[in-house]
PDB file of N, CA and C in Angstrom:
ATOM      1  N   MET A   1       0.653  -1.390   0.109  1.00  0.00           N
ATOM      2  CA  MET A   1      -0.066   0.002  -0.012  1.00  0.00           C
ATOM      3  C   MET A   1       0.960   1.369   0.010  1.00  0.00           C
ATOM      4  N   ASP A   2       0.303   2.037  -0.772  1.00  0.00           N
ATOM      5  CA  ASP A   2       1.151   3.432  -0.983  1.00  0.00           C
ATOM      6  C   ASP A   2       0.510   4.624   0.177  1.00  0.00           C
ATOM      7  N   VAL A   3       1.243   4.531   1.121  1.00  0.00           N
ATOM      8  CA  VAL A   3       0.757   5.390   2.316  1.00  0.00           C
ATOM      9  C   VAL A   3       1.133   6.822   2.019  1.00  0.00           C
ATOM     10  N   VAL A   4       0.378   7.637   2.328  1.00  0.00           N
ATOM     11  CA  VAL A   4       0.329   9.220   2.262  1.00  0.00           C
ATOM     12  C   VAL A   4       0.686   9.631   3.633  1.00  0.00           C
ATOM     13  N   TYR A   5       0.027   9.318   4.628  1.00  0.00           N
ATOM     14  CA  TYR A   5       0.171   9.991   5.925  1.00  0.00           C
ATOM     15  C   TYR A   5      -0.621   8.731   6.875  1.00  0.00           C
ATOM     16  N   LEU A   6      -0.349   8.827   8.231  1.00  0.00           N
ATOM     17  CA  LEU A   6      -1.008   8.008   9.367  1.00  0.00           C
ATOM     18  C   LEU A   6      -1.196   9.280  10.344  1.00  0.00           C
ATOM     19  N   ARG A   7      -2.423   8.783  10.804  1.00  0.00           N
ATOM     20  CA  ARG A   7      -3.176  10.028  11.844  1.00  0.00           C
ATOM     21  C   ARG A   7      -3.502   9.015  13.151  1.00  0.00           C
ATOM     22  N   ALA A   8      -3.029   9.429  14.273  1.00  0.00           N
ATOM     23  CA  ALA A   8      -3.591   8.642  15.526  1.00  0.00           C
ATOM     24  C   ALA A   8      -4.961   9.407  15.758  1.00  0.00           C
ATOM     25  N   ASP A   9      -5.879   8.388  15.988  1.00  0.00           N
ATOM     26  CA  ASP A   9      -7.297   8.628  16.263  1.00  0.00           C
ATOM     27  C   ASP A   9      -7.897   7.596  17.443  1.00  0.00           C
ATOM     28  N   GLN A  10      -7.965   8.124  18.573  1.00  0.00           N
ATOM     29  CA  GLN A  10      -8.233   7.569  19.902  1.00  0.00           C
ATOM     30  C   GLN A  10      -7.387   6.240  19.911  1.00  0.00           C
ATOM     31  N   LYS A  11      -7.630   4.935  19.887  1.00  0.00           N
ATOM     32  CA  LYS A  11      -6.842   3.729  20.004  1.00  0.00           C
ATOM     33  C   LYS A  11      -6.694   3.212  18.450  1.00  0.00           C
ATOM     34  N   TYR A  12      -6.736   3.802  17.283  1.00  0.00           N
ATOM     35  CA  TYR A  12      -6.796   3.352  16.167  1.00  0.00           C
ATOM     36  C   TYR A  12      -5.890   4.444  15.464  1.00  0.00           C
ATOM     37  N   VAL A  13      -5.316   3.972  14.112  1.00  0.00           N
ATOM     38  CA  VAL A  13      -4.504   4.847  13.542  1.00  0.00           C
ATOM     39  C   VAL A  13      -5.154   4.873  12.042  1.00  0.00           C
ATOM     40  N   SER A  14      -5.372   6.147  11.455  1.00  0.00           N
ATOM     41  CA  SER A  14      -5.927   6.055  10.156  1.00  0.00           C
ATOM     42  C   SER A  14      -4.810   6.137   9.259  1.00  0.00           C
ATOM     43  N   VAL A  15      -4.750   5.241   8.183  1.00  0.00           N
ATOM     44  CA  VAL A  15      -3.941   5.320   7.164  1.00  0.00           C
ATOM     45  C   VAL A  15      -4.501   6.009   5.765  1.00  0.00           C
ATOM     46  N   CYS A  16      -4.120   7.162   5.580  1.00  0.00           N
ATOM     47  CA  CYS A  16      -4.432   7.595   4.261  1.00  0.00           C
ATOM     48  C   CYS A  16      -3.484   7.307   3.145  1.00  0.00           C
ATOM     49  N   HIS A  17      -4.201   6.771   2.000  1.00  0.00           N
ATOM     50  CA  HIS A  17      -3.310   6.310   0.989  1.00  0.00           C
ATOM     51  C   HIS A  17      -4.210   6.798  -0.423  1.00  0.00           C
ATOM     52  N   PRO A  18      -3.762   6.574  -1.513  1.00  0.00           N
ATOM     53  CA  PRO A  18      -4.238   7.443  -2.959  1.00  0.00           C
ATOM     54  C   PRO A  18      -5.827   6.936  -2.935  1.00  0.00           C
ATOM     55  N   ASP A  19      -6.233   5.709  -2.424  1.00  0.00           N
ATOM     56  CA  ASP A  19      -7.201   5.104  -2.673  1.00  0.00           C
ATOM     57  C   ASP A  19      -8.413   5.387  -1.845  1.00  0.00           C
ATOM     58  N   GLY A  20      -8.050   6.042  -0.522  1.00  0.00           N
ATOM     59  CA  GLY A  20      -8.940   6.314   0.549  1.00  0.00           C
ATOM     60  C   GLY A  20      -8.316   6.192   1.926  1.00  0.00           C
ATOM     61  N   LEU A  21      -9.113   5.574   2.793  1.00  0.00           N
ATOM     62  CA  LEU A  21      -8.797   5.727   4.159  1.00  0.00           C
ATOM     63  C   LEU A  21      -8.887   4.537   4.822  1.00  0.00           C
ATOM     64  N   LEU A  22      -7.902   3.735   5.558  1.00  0.00           N
ATOM     65  CA  LEU A  22      -7.916   2.521   6.487  1.00  0.00           C
ATOM     66  C   LEU A  22      -7.769   2.702   8.072  1.00  0.00           C
ATOM     67  N   LEU A  23      -8.602   2.130   8.631  1.00  0.00           N
ATOM     68  CA  LEU A  23      -8.276   1.986  10.125  1.00  0.00           C
ATOM     69  C   LEU A  23      -7.760   1.011  10.503  1.00  0.00           C
ATOM     70  N   ILE A  24      -6.481   0.825  11.587  1.00  0.00           N
ATOM     71  CA  ILE A  24      -5.844  -0.168  11.760  1.00  0.00           C
ATOM     72  C   ILE A  24      -5.599  -0.073  13.117  1.00  0.00           C
ATOM     73  N   ASP A  25      -5.255  -1.099  13.927  1.00  0.00           N
ATOM     74  CA  ASP A  25      -4.750  -1.178  15.619  1.00  0.00           C
ATOM     75  C   ASP A  25      -3.155  -0.721  15.370  1.00  0.00           C
ATOM     76  N   GLY A  26      -2.862  -0.201  16.266  1.00  0.00           N
ATOM     77  CA  GLY A  26      -1.215   0.153  16.286  1.00  0.00           C
ATOM     78  C   GLY A  26      -1.063   1.483  16.954  1.00  0.00           C
ATOM     79  N   SER A  27       0.386   1.708  16.872  1.00  0.00           N
ATOM     80  CA  SER A  27       0.548   3.014  17.315  1.00  0.00           C
ATOM     81  C   SER A  27       1.597   3.960  16.590  1.00  0.00           C
ATOM     82  N   LEU A  28       1.584   5.088  16.423  1.00  0.00           N
ATOM     83  CA  LEU A  28       2.764   5.889  15.604  1.00  0.00           C
ATOM     84  C   LEU A  28       3.950   5.562  16.132  1.00  0.00           C
ATOM     85  N   ARG A  29       4.070   5.384  17.287  1.00  0.00           N
ATOM     86  CA  ARG A  29       5.335   5.310  17.867  1.00  0.00           C
ATOM     87  C   ARG A  29       5.929   3.897  16.994  1.00  0.00           C
ATOM     88  N   THR A  30       5.164   3.064  17.167  1.00  0.00           N
ATOM     89  CA  THR A  30       5.528   1.778  16.318  1.00  0.00           C
ATOM     90  C   THR A  30       5.987   1.814  14.978  1.00  0.00           C
ATOM     91  N   PHE A  31       4.976   2.556  14.255  1.00  0.00           N
ATOM     92  CA  PHE A  31       5.458   2.788  12.703  1.00  0.00           C
ATOM     93  C   PHE A  31       6.635   3.683  12.820  1.00  0.00           C
ATOM     94  N   GLU A  32       6.755   4.703  13.525  1.00  0.00           N
ATOM     95  CA  GLU A  32       7.922   5.504  13.299  1.00  0.00           C
ATOM     96  C   GLU A  32       9.159   4.850  13.848  1.00  0.00           C
ATOM     97  N   ARG A  33       9.412   3.899  14.456  1.00  0.00           N
ATOM     98  CA  ARG A  33      10.194   3.305  15.082  1.00  0.00           C
ATOM     99  C   ARG A  33      10.624   2.129  13.822  1.00  0.00           C
ATOM    100  N   ASP A  34       9.556   1.533  13.230  1.00  0.00           N
ATOM    101  CA  ASP A  34       9.984   0.525  12.263  1.00  0.00           C
ATOM    102  C   ASP A  34      10.194   1.292  10.944  1.00  0.00           C
ATOM    103  N   PHE A  35       9.886   2.091  10.685  1.00  0.00           N
ATOM    104  CA  PHE A  35      10.252   2.747   9.259  1.00  0.00           C
ATOM    105  C   PHE A  35      10.736   4.158   9.149  1.00  0.00           C
ATOM    106  N   PRO A  36      11.809   4.364   9.959  1.00  0.00           N
ATOM    107  CA  PRO A  36      12.140   5.551  10.005  1.00  0.00           C
ATOM    108  C   PRO A  36      12.707   6.300   8.814  1.00  0.00           C
ATOM    109  N   ASP A  37      13.244   5.938   7.876  1.00  0.00           N
ATOM    110  CA  ASP A  37      13.370   6.259   6.624  1.00  0.00           C
ATOM    111  C   ASP A  37      12.251   6.640   5.645  1.00  0.00           C
ATOM    112  N   LEU A  38      11.224   6.068   6.032  1.00  0.00           N
ATOM    113  CA  LEU A  38       9.955   6.271   5.178  1.00  0.00           C
ATOM    114  C   LEU A  38       9.048   7.415   5.786  1.00  0.00           C
ATOM    115  N   LEU A  39       9.027   7.331   7.028  1.00  0.00           N
ATOM    116  CA  LEU A  39       7.937   8.261   7.992  1.00  0.00           C
ATOM    117  C   LEU A  39       8.664   9.511   8.601  1.00  0.00           C
ATOM    118  N   LEU A  40       7.965  10.562   8.560  1.00  0.00           N
ATOM    119  CA  LEU A  40       8.399  11.879   9.357  1.00  0.00           C
ATOM    120  C   LEU A  40       7.447  12.365  10.089  1.00  0.00           C
ATOM    121  N   ARG A  41       7.571  12.431  11.416  1.00  0.00           N
ATOM    122  CA  ARG A  41       6.737  12.905  12.353  1.00  0.00           C
ATOM    123  C   ARG A  41       6.602  14.278  12.224  1.00  0.00           C
ATOM    124  N   ILE A  42       5.134  15.003  12.132  1.00  0.00           N
ATOM    125  CA  ILE A  42       4.888  16.360  11.706  1.00  0.00           C
ATOM    126  C   ILE A  42       4.182  16.823  12.921  1.00  0.00           C
ATOM    127  N   HIS A  43       3.659  15.898  13.788  1.00  0.00           N
ATOM    128  CA  HIS A  43       2.721  16.300  14.853  1.00  0.00           C
ATOM    129  C   HIS A  43       2.510  15.337  15.803  1.00  0.00           C
ATOM    130  N   ARG A  44       2.201  15.350  17.121  1.00  0.00           N
ATOM    131  CA  ARG A  44       2.322  14.233  17.807  1.00  0.00           C
ATOM    132  C   ARG A  44       0.951  13.329  17.581  1.00  0.00           C
ATOM    133  N   ASN A  45       0.138  13.575  16.628  1.00  0.00           N
ATOM    134  CA  ASN A  45      -0.810  12.575  16.384  1.00  0.00           C
ATOM    135  C   ASN A  45      -0.654  12.189  14.448  1.00  0.00           C
ATOM    136  N   THR A  46       0.464  12.652  14.148  1.00  0.00           N
ATOM    137  CA  THR A  46       0.524  12.526  12.684  1.00  0.00           C
ATOM    138  C   THR A  46       2.077  12.052  12.067  1.00  0.00           C
ATOM    139  N   LEU A  47       2.196  11.138  11.366  1.00  0.00           N
ATOM    140  CA  LEU A  47       3.331  10.924  10.665  1.00  0.00           C
ATOM    141  C   LEU A  47       3.064  11.184   8.981  1.00  0.00           C
ATOM    142  N   VAL A  48       3.974  11.475   8.462  1.00  0.00           N
ATOM    143  CA  VAL A  48       3.504  11.604   6.810  1.00  0.00           C
ATOM    144  C   VAL A  48       5.047  10.977   6.207  1.00  0.00           C
ATOM    145  N   ALA A  49       4.525  10.307   4.710  1.00  0.00           N
ATOM    146  CA  ALA A  49       5.419   9.609   4.240  1.00  0.00           C
ATOM    147  C   ALA A  49       6.433  10.693   3.517  1.00  0.00           C
ATOM    148  N   ARG A  50       7.685  10.284   3.924  1.00  0.00           N
ATOM    149  CA  ARG A  50       9.086  11.344   3.313  1.00  0.00           C
ATOM    150  C   ARG A  50       8.605  11.513   1.636  1.00  0.00           C
ATOM    151  N   SER A  51       8.267  10.493   1.188  1.00  0.00           N
ATOM    152  CA  SER A  51       8.377  10.750  -0.365  1.00  0.00           C
ATOM    153  C   SER A  51       7.189  11.583  -0.788  1.00  0.00           C
ATOM    154  N   ARG A  52       6.229  11.664   0.178  1.00  0.00           N
ATOM    155  CA  ARG A  52       4.984  12.581  -0.198  1.00  0.00           C
ATOM    156  C   ARG A  52       5.092  13.985   0.319  1.00  0.00           C
ATOM    157  N   LEU A  53       5.966  14.334   0.883  1.00  0.00           N
ATOM    158  CA  LEU A  53       6.240  15.736   1.633  1.00  0.00           C
ATOM    159  C   LEU A  53       6.839  16.839   0.527  1.00  0.00           C
ATOM    160  N   LEU A  54       5.730  17.498   0.044  1.00  0.00           N
ATOM    161  CA  LEU A  54       6.546  18.656  -0.959  1.00  0.00           C
ATOM    162  C   LEU A  54       6.903  19.739  -0.377  1.00  0.00           C
ATOM    163  N   GLY A  55       6.230  20.334   0.891  1.00  0.00           N
ATOM    164  CA  GLY A  55       6.404  21.646   1.321  1.00  0.00           C
ATOM    165  C   GLY A  55       5.780  21.893   2.442  1.00  0.00           C
ATOM    166  N   LEU A  56       5.743  23.207   2.909  1.00  0.00           N
ATOM    167  CA  LEU A  56       5.216  23.822   4.024  1.00  0.00           C
ATOM    168  C   LEU A  56       4.288  24.913   3.521  1.00  0.00           C
ATOM    169  N   GLU A  57       2.997  25.121   4.157  1.00  0.00           N
ATOM    170  CA  GLU A  57       2.307  26.089   3.875  1.00  0.00           C
ATOM    171  C   GLU A  57       1.892  27.059   5.271  1.00  0.00           C
ATOM    172  N   ARG A  58       2.165  28.005   5.035  1.00  0.00           N
ATOM    173  CA  ARG A  58       1.907  29.009   6.471  1.00  0.00           C
ATOM    174  C   ARG A  58       0.286  29.609   6.271  1.00  0.00           C
ATOM    175  N   ARG A  59      -0.352  29.315   7.083  1.00  0.00           N
ATOM    176  CA  ARG A  59      -1.964  29.872   7.210  1.00  0.00           C
ATOM    177  C   ARG A  59      -2.062  31.221   7.997  1.00  0.00           C
ATOM    178  N   PRO A  60      -3.082  31.881   7.453  1.00  0.00           N
ATOM    179  CA  PRO A  60      -3.465  33.265   8.145  1.00  0.00           C
ATOM    180  C   PRO A  60      -3.361  33.213   9.421  1.00  0.00           C
ATOM    181  N   ASP A  61      -3.832  32.259  10.178  1.00  0.00           N
ATOM    182  CA  ASP A  61      -3.980  32.051  11.320  1.00  0.00           C
ATOM    183  C   ASP A  61      -2.549  31.685  12.366  1.00  0.00           C
ATOM    184  N   GLY A  62      -1.740  31.666  11.762  1.00  0.00           N
ATOM    185  CA  GLY A  62      -0.347  31.297  11.977  1.00  0.00           C
ATOM    186  C   GLY A  62       0.272  30.016  12.209  1.00  0.00           C
ATOM    187  N   SER A  63      -0.577  28.966  11.798  1.00  0.00           N
ATOM    188  CA  SER A  63      -0.384  27.550  11.699  1.00  0.00           C
ATOM    189  C   SER A  63       0.386  27.116  10.417  1.00  0.00           C
ATOM    190  N   THR A  64       0.857  26.358  10.433  1.00  0.00           N
ATOM    191  CA  THR A  64       1.768  25.640   9.383  1.00  0.00           C
ATOM    192  C   THR A  64       1.255  24.454   8.908  1.00  0.00           C
ATOM    193  N   CYS A  65       0.944  24.124   7.525  1.00  0.00           N
ATOM    194  CA  CYS A  65       0.839  22.610   7.177  1.00  0.00           C
ATOM    195  C   CYS A  65       1.537  22.211   6.091  1.00  0.00           C
ATOM    196  N   ALA A  66       1.451  20.597   6.094  1.00  0.00           N
ATOM    197  CA  ALA A  66       2.302  19.800   4.973  1.00  0.00           C
ATOM    198  C   ALA A  66       1.507  20.009   3.798  1.00  0.00           C
ATOM    199  N   LEU A  67       2.226  20.334   2.789  1.00  0.00           N
ATOM    200  CA  LEU A  67       1.729  19.819   1.259  1.00  0.00           C
ATOM    201  C   LEU A  67       2.046  18.361   1.128  1.00  0.00           C
ATOM    202  N   LEU A  68       1.200  17.729   0.501  1.00  0.00           N
ATOM    203  CA  LEU A  68       1.508  16.233   0.460  1.00  0.00           C
ATOM    204  C   LEU A  68       1.282  16.201  -1.291  1.00  0.00           C
ATOM    205  N   LEU A  69       2.116  15.164  -1.762  1.00  0.00           N
ATOM    206  CA  LEU A  69       1.866  14.788  -3.304  1.00  0.00           C
ATOM    207  C   LEU A  69       0.616  13.975  -3.394  1.00  0.00           C
ATOM    208  N   ASP A  70      -0.288  14.380  -4.192  1.00  0.00           N
ATOM    209  CA  ASP A  70      -1.373  13.586  -4.665  1.00  0.00           C
ATOM    210  C   ASP A  70      -2.482  13.695  -3.530  1.00  0.00           C
ATOM    211  N   CYS A  71      -2.491  14.632  -2.589  1.00  0.00           N
ATOM    212  CA  CYS A  71      -3.223  14.475  -1.479  1.00  0.00           C
ATOM    213  C   CYS A  71      -3.941  16.084  -1.371  1.00  0.00           C
ATOM    214  N   ASN A  72      -5.024  16.080  -1.250  1.00  0.00           N
ATOM    215  CA  ASN A  72      -5.794  17.315  -0.913  1.00  0.00           C
ATOM    216  C   ASN A  72      -5.740  17.739   0.651  1.00  0.00           C
ATOM    217  N   ASP A  73      -5.740  16.762   1.522  1.00  0.00           N
ATOM    218  CA  ASP A  73      -5.584  16.869   3.066  1.00  0.00           C
ATOM    219  C   ASP A  73      -4.049  17.709   3.197  1.00  0.00           C
ATOM    220  N   THR A  74      -4.101  18.724   4.140  1.00  0.00           N
ATOM    221  CA  THR A  74      -2.972  19.454   4.539  1.00  0.00           C
ATOM    222  C   THR A  74      -2.876  19.227   6.050  1.00  0.00           C
ATOM    223  N   PRO A  75      -2.350  18.432   6.419  1.00  0.00           N
ATOM    224  CA  PRO A  75      -2.419  18.066   8.063  1.00  0.00           C
ATOM    225  C   PRO A  75      -1.216  19.155   8.645  1.00  0.00           C
ATOM    226  N   VAL A  76      -1.733  19.548   9.786  1.00  0.00           N
ATOM    227  CA  VAL A  76      -0.894  20.471  10.409  1.00  0.00           C
ATOM    228  C   VAL A  76       0.326  20.047  10.983  1.00  0.00           C
ATOM    229  N   VAL A  77       1.251  20.913  11.035  1.00  0.00           N
ATOM    230  CA  VAL A  77       2.747  20.775  11.740  1.00  0.00           C
ATOM    231  C   VAL A  77       2.630  21.274  12.849  1.00  0.00           C
ATOM    232  N   SER A  78       2.914  20.610  13.952  1.00  0.00           N
ATOM    233  CA  SER A  78       3.321  21.246  15.308  1.00  0.00           C
ATOM    234  C   SER A  78       4.339  22.076  15.484  1.00  0.00           C
ATOM    235  N   ARG A  79       4.431  23.278  16.134  1.00  0.00           N
ATOM    236  CA  ARG A  79       5.480  24.013  16.344  1.00  0.00           C
ATOM    237  C   ARG A  79       6.601  23.169  17.068  1.00  0.00           C
ATOM    238  N   ARG A  80       6.248  22.548  17.813  1.00  0.00           N
ATOM    239  CA  ARG A  80       7.389  21.384  18.388  1.00  0.00           C
ATOM    240  C   ARG A  80       8.026  20.825  17.341  1.00  0.00           C
ATOM    241  N   HIS A  81       7.563  20.304  16.220  1.00  0.00           N
ATOM    242  CA  HIS A  81       8.189  19.369  15.065  1.00  0.00           C
ATOM    243  C   HIS A  81       8.511  20.218  13.786  1.00  0.00           C
ATOM    244  N   LEU A  82       8.036  21.616  13.670  1.00  0.00           N
ATOM    245  CA  LEU A  82       8.246  22.404  12.525  1.00  0.00           C
ATOM    246  C   LEU A  82       9.784  22.598  12.120  1.00  0.00           C
ATOM    247  N   ALA A  83      10.826  22.687  13.218  1.00  0.00           N
ATOM    248  CA  ALA A  83      12.287  22.924  13.004  1.00  0.00           C
ATOM    249  C   ALA A  83      12.640  21.904  12.093  1.00  0.00           C
ATOM    250  N   GLU A  84      12.261  20.508  12.667  1.00  0.00           N
ATOM    251  CA  GLU A  84      12.954  19.045  12.169  1.00  0.00           C
ATOM    252  C   GLU A  84      12.573  18.883  10.875  1.00  0.00           C
ATOM    253  N   VAL A  85      11.162  19.186  10.705  1.00  0.00           N
ATOM    254  CA  VAL A  85      10.518  18.995   9.089  1.00  0.00           C
ATOM    255  C   VAL A  85      11.123  20.041   8.088  1.00  0.00           C
ATOM    256  N   ARG A  86      11.683  21.400   8.501  1.00  0.00           N
ATOM    257  CA  ARG A  86      12.149  22.222   7.680  1.00  0.00           C
ATOM    258  C   ARG A  86      13.528  21.815   7.383  1.00  0.00           C
ATOM    259  N   ARG A  87      14.215  21.211   8.543  1.00  0.00           N
ATOM    260  CA  ARG A  87      15.506  20.617   8.350  1.00  0.00           C
ATOM    261  C   ARG A  87      15.557  19.677   7.325  1.00  0.00           C
ATOM    262  N   TRP A  88      14.806  18.816   7.379  1.00  0.00           N
ATOM    263  CA  TRP A  88      14.812  17.516   6.535  1.00  0.00           C
ATOM    264  C   TRP A  88      14.467  17.944   5.179  1.00  0.00           C
ATOM    265  N   LEU A  89      13.189  19.147   5.016  1.00  0.00           N
ATOM    266  CA  LEU A  89      13.338  19.488   3.382  1.00  0.00           C
ATOM    267  C   LEU A  89      14.402  20.430   3.032  1.00  0.00           C
ATOM    268  N   ARG A  90      15.028  20.945   3.590  1.00  0.00           N
ATOM    269  CA  ARG A  90      16.159  21.597   3.117  1.00  0.00           C
ATOM    270  C   ARG A  90      17.209  20.916   2.785  1.00  0.00           C
ATOM    271  N   GLU A  91      17.415  19.668   3.530  1.00  0.00           N
ATOM    272  CA  GLU A  91      18.500  18.473   3.489  1.00  0.00           C
ATOM    273  C   GLU A  91      18.020  17.780   1.794  1.00  0.00           C
ATOM    274  N   MET A  92      16.557  17.559   2.056  1.00  0.00           N
ATOM    275  CA  MET A  92      16.293  16.786   0.516  1.00  0.00           C
ATOM    276  C   MET A  92      16.286  17.897  -0.673  1.00  0.00           C
ATOM    277  N   ARG A  93      16.110  19.195  -0.589  1.00  0.00           N
ATOM    278  CA  ARG A  93      16.722  20.248  -1.725  1.00  0.00           C
ATOM    279  C   ARG A  93      17.719  20.251  -1.924  1.00  0.00           C
ATOM    280  N   ARG A  94      18.742  20.094  -0.959  1.00  0.00           N
ATOM    281  CA  ARG A  94      20.170  20.126  -1.377  1.00  0.00           C
ATOM    282  C   ARG A  94      20.835  18.816  -2.150  1.00  0.00           C
ATOM    283  N   SER A  95      20.322  17.794  -1.690  1.00  0.00           N
ATOM    284  CA  SER A  95      20.418  16.360  -2.448  1.00  0.00           C
ATOM    285  C   SER A  95      19.973  16.315  -3.597  1.00  0.00           C
ATOM    286  N   ASN A  96      18.715  16.955  -4.051  1.00  0.00           N
ATOM    287  CA  ASN A  96      18.333  16.927  -5.422  1.00  0.00           C
ATOM    288  C   ASN A  96      19.190  17.891  -6.202  1.00  0.00           C
ATOM    289  N   ASP A  97      19.285  19.270  -5.683  1.00  0.00           N
ATOM    290  CA  ASP A  97      20.206  19.988  -6.327  1.00  0.00           C
ATOM    291  C   ASP A  97      21.645  19.403  -6.794  1.00  0.00           C
ATOM    292  N   ALA A  98      22.286  18.661  -5.964  1.00  0.00           N
ATOM    293  CA  ALA A  98      23.470  18.250  -6.172  1.00  0.00           C
ATOM    294  C   ALA A  98      23.173  17.052  -7.057  1.00  0.00           C
ATOM    295  N   GLU A  99      22.313  16.439  -7.539  1.00  0.00           N
ATOM    296  CA  GLU A  99      22.235  15.337  -8.451  1.00  0.00           C
ATOM    297  C   GLU A  99      22.395  15.794 -10.074  1.00  0.00           C
TER     298      GLU A  99
END
């Protein structure tokens, strides 16, 4: 399955993929631990697929959202995780420019 993002919702995890949504048992912490090269934490309740993260969008209310490839959802990036997300995006741009 091609995952776009995972969001914790009560005791389930919602898995957003190009064809819809799937509810599964599990924890974000487990996914983050098992797939660190594939998933990036953007909020305490959200992990995004690194391959789908295009950039960030600042909203008028001051919040920042993730722009994701082939996805209309724009999950919120928490202030706590914002610096790490920006750092990762910069590193990806540098590595793409070097190619």
